[in-house]
Each structure stands twice: as C-alpha cells, then as structure tokens.
Amino acid sequence: MNPEERFRAALDSAGHPVDLPRCFIGWLRTYWLDSSESEAFSLWEETVRESWWDAAEYIRCLNATLRNPTDDFTSIIREHGGMLLQHELPDGYYEEYTREEYIDWLGGMRDRFAEILNTSIPGSG
C-alpha cells in the first residue's frame, strides 16, 4: 500500500471503531490543555509531520464526536481541554457558549485541523 492509500485507509470511517469519548479526551489533552490556539496548531503540525496516521485517527475521532456528541460533551471540553468558551457581552460580562456553539466550535477546529492534514498527504507534493 502506498502512502496515499494508507492515508485514505486511515481516514476511512469504515475502519475499526472509534472509542468515544476516550479519543476525544486524548485530542483535547494533547492539543488544547494548557495551550493557546496557536500552540495547539503548532502541536498539530508536528503530529502531521511526524505521524500523519495518528493525525488521521484524530480526525476520525472528531468526525465521530460531531456525529454523536455525548451528553457531557461541553463538560468534557471544559475539564479535559481546560477551555470555557464564552462570548463577551456589551456590559463587560461573559456568557458561556451554548451546547450548539460548542459543537460549531469543534466543527470549525476539525475543519482547520483536517485542512492542515489534507495538505500534507504523503506523496501529494
């Protein structure tokens, strides 16, 4: 199997089952806990360079998480990612994101992380 075929196979959702929320917690702890957004992306780029197949597994995990977020989805992000996503209100107070906004945030992060991975497909450059 050439590198591009291996990459595509790793992204194939028909492969082995994704263990949720364990893989999602791993992604949060690896890239977000104690990291700024720029640090998270730097860590991701390093993973893509060193082991794109692991990055592909994380994308599968994020896809599976987005398809069926657990009931404690937002608390998992807060606890294991160290993030409380909030809007700043005009009066200077903050309001936490709704569950749907957390899901939208994750979808956006998945898309950005996947774009980095997709532009680094072995054999594509």
Protein backbone atom coordinates (compact mmCIF):
# COMPACT_ATOMS: atom_id res chain seq x y z
CA MET A 1 0.00 0.00 0.00
CA ASN A 2 1.48 3.35 -1.00
CA PRO A 3 1.47 6.28 1.46
CA GLU A 4 -1.58 7.97 -0.07
CA GLU A 5 -3.60 4.73 0.05
CA ARG A 6 -2.55 4.24 3.69
CA PHE A 7 -3.63 7.80 4.45
CA ARG A 8 -7.02 7.30 2.83
CA ALA A 9 -7.48 4.00 4.65
CA ALA A 10 -6.71 5.71 7.97
CA LEU A 11 -9.42 8.29 7.28
CA ASP A 12 -11.97 5.70 6.23
CA SER A 13 -14.77 5.65 8.77
CA ALA A 14 -15.49 2.02 7.88
CA GLY A 15 -12.26 1.01 9.65
CA HIS A 16 -12.02 -0.05 13.26
CA PRO A 17 -14.49 1.57 15.65
CA VAL A 18 -13.64 4.87 17.28
CA ASP A 19 -13.60 4.70 21.09
CA LEU A 20 -15.54 7.75 22.29
CA PRO A 21 -15.08 9.79 24.39
CA ARG A 22 -11.58 8.43 25.08
CA CYS A 23 -10.14 9.57 21.75
CA PHE A 24 -11.82 12.97 22.08
CA ILE A 25 -10.37 13.42 25.57
CA GLY A 26 -6.96 12.46 24.16
CA TRP A 27 -7.28 15.11 21.43
CA LEU A 28 -8.30 17.76 23.95
CA ARG A 29 -5.46 16.93 26.35
CA THR A 30 -2.86 16.67 23.60
CA TYR A 31 -3.65 19.88 21.72
CA TRP A 32 -5.69 22.16 23.97
CA LEU A 33 -4.92 21.61 27.65
CA ASP A 34 -2.56 24.42 28.69
CA SER A 35 -2.21 25.56 25.06
CA SER A 36 -3.22 28.68 23.20
CA GLU A 37 -4.83 28.27 19.80
CA SER A 38 -1.52 28.94 18.05
CA GLU A 39 0.23 26.38 20.27
CA ALA A 40 -2.50 23.82 19.52
CA PHE A 41 -1.96 24.28 15.79
CA SER A 42 1.83 24.06 16.16
CA LEU A 43 1.45 20.79 18.06
CA TRP A 44 -0.92 19.52 15.36
CA GLU A 45 1.51 20.43 12.58
CA GLU A 46 4.21 18.50 14.44
CA THR A 47 1.93 15.45 14.70
CA VAL A 48 1.12 15.67 10.99
CA ARG A 49 4.85 15.82 10.12
CA GLU A 50 5.88 13.00 12.44
CA SER A 51 2.89 10.63 12.35
CA TRP A 52 0.13 11.65 9.95
CA TRP A 53 -1.63 8.33 10.58
CA ASP A 54 -2.18 9.40 14.21
CA ALA A 55 -3.48 12.73 12.95
CA ALA A 56 -5.85 10.88 10.63
CA GLU A 57 -7.17 8.88 13.59
CA TYR A 58 -7.84 12.11 15.49
CA ILE A 59 -9.82 13.45 12.51
CA ARG A 60 -11.88 10.24 12.51
CA CYS A 61 -12.42 10.76 16.23
CA LEU A 62 -13.56 14.35 15.77
CA ASN A 63 -15.93 13.29 12.99
CA ALA A 64 -17.43 10.61 15.23
CA THR A 65 -17.71 13.05 18.14
CA LEU A 66 -19.51 15.57 15.96
CA ARG A 67 -21.91 12.93 14.63
CA ASN A 68 -22.96 11.95 18.14
CA PRO A 69 -21.79 14.31 20.92
CA THR A 70 -22.15 12.75 24.35
CA ASP A 71 -24.49 14.29 26.92
CA ASP A 72 -21.46 15.60 28.83
CA PHE A 73 -19.78 16.98 25.69
CA THR A 74 -19.34 20.55 26.98
CA SER A 75 -18.09 19.44 30.39
CA ILE A 76 -15.53 17.17 28.67
CA ILE A 77 -14.21 20.19 26.76
CA ARG A 78 -14.03 22.27 29.94
CA GLU A 79 -12.42 19.55 32.04
CA HIS A 80 -10.03 17.89 29.60
CA GLY A 81 -9.33 20.80 27.27
CA GLY A 82 -9.15 23.40 30.00
CA MET A 83 -11.47 25.64 28.00
CA LEU A 84 -14.54 27.61 28.88
CA LEU A 85 -15.77 29.03 25.59
CA GLN A 86 -17.53 32.35 26.11
CA HIS A 87 -18.94 35.43 24.41
CA GLU A 88 -18.11 38.83 25.78
CA LEU A 89 -21.32 40.77 26.35
CA PRO A 90 -21.64 44.53 25.78
CA ASP A 91 -21.80 45.17 29.54
CA GLY A 92 -18.38 43.54 30.05
CA TYR A 93 -19.77 40.27 31.40
CA TYR A 94 -19.32 36.92 29.72
CA GLU A 95 -21.77 34.25 28.70
CA GLU A 96 -20.75 30.65 28.12
CA TYR A 97 -21.35 29.16 24.69
CA THR A 98 -24.44 27.06 24.26
CA ARG A 99 -24.07 23.36 23.51
CA GLU A 100 -24.70 24.09 19.81
CA GLU A 101 -21.97 26.75 19.81
CA TYR A 102 -19.52 24.28 21.38
CA ILE A 103 -20.41 21.83 18.61
CA ASP A 104 -19.92 24.56 15.99
CA TRP A 105 -16.55 25.42 17.54
CA LEU A 106 -15.46 21.79 17.36
CA GLY A 107 -16.63 21.52 13.75
CA GLY A 108 -14.56 24.57 12.87
CA MET A 109 -11.49 23.19 14.63
CA ARG A 110 -11.97 19.83 12.92
CA ASP A 111 -12.10 21.59 9.55
CA ARG A 112 -8.97 23.62 10.23
CA PHE A 113 -7.03 20.62 11.58
CA ALA A 114 -8.19 18.46 8.65
CA GLU A 115 -7.07 21.10 6.14
CA ILE A 116 -3.55 21.01 7.58
CA LEU A 117 -3.57 17.22 7.37
CA ASN A 118 -5.06 17.12 3.87
CA THR A 119 -2.42 19.48 2.50
CA SER A 120 0.26 17.19 3.94
CA ILE A 121 -0.88 13.90 2.38
CA PRO A 122 2.22 11.78 1.79
CA GLY A 123 3.05 11.62 -1.88
CA SER A 124 0.90 14.61 -2.79
CA GLY A 125 3.70 17.13 -3.01
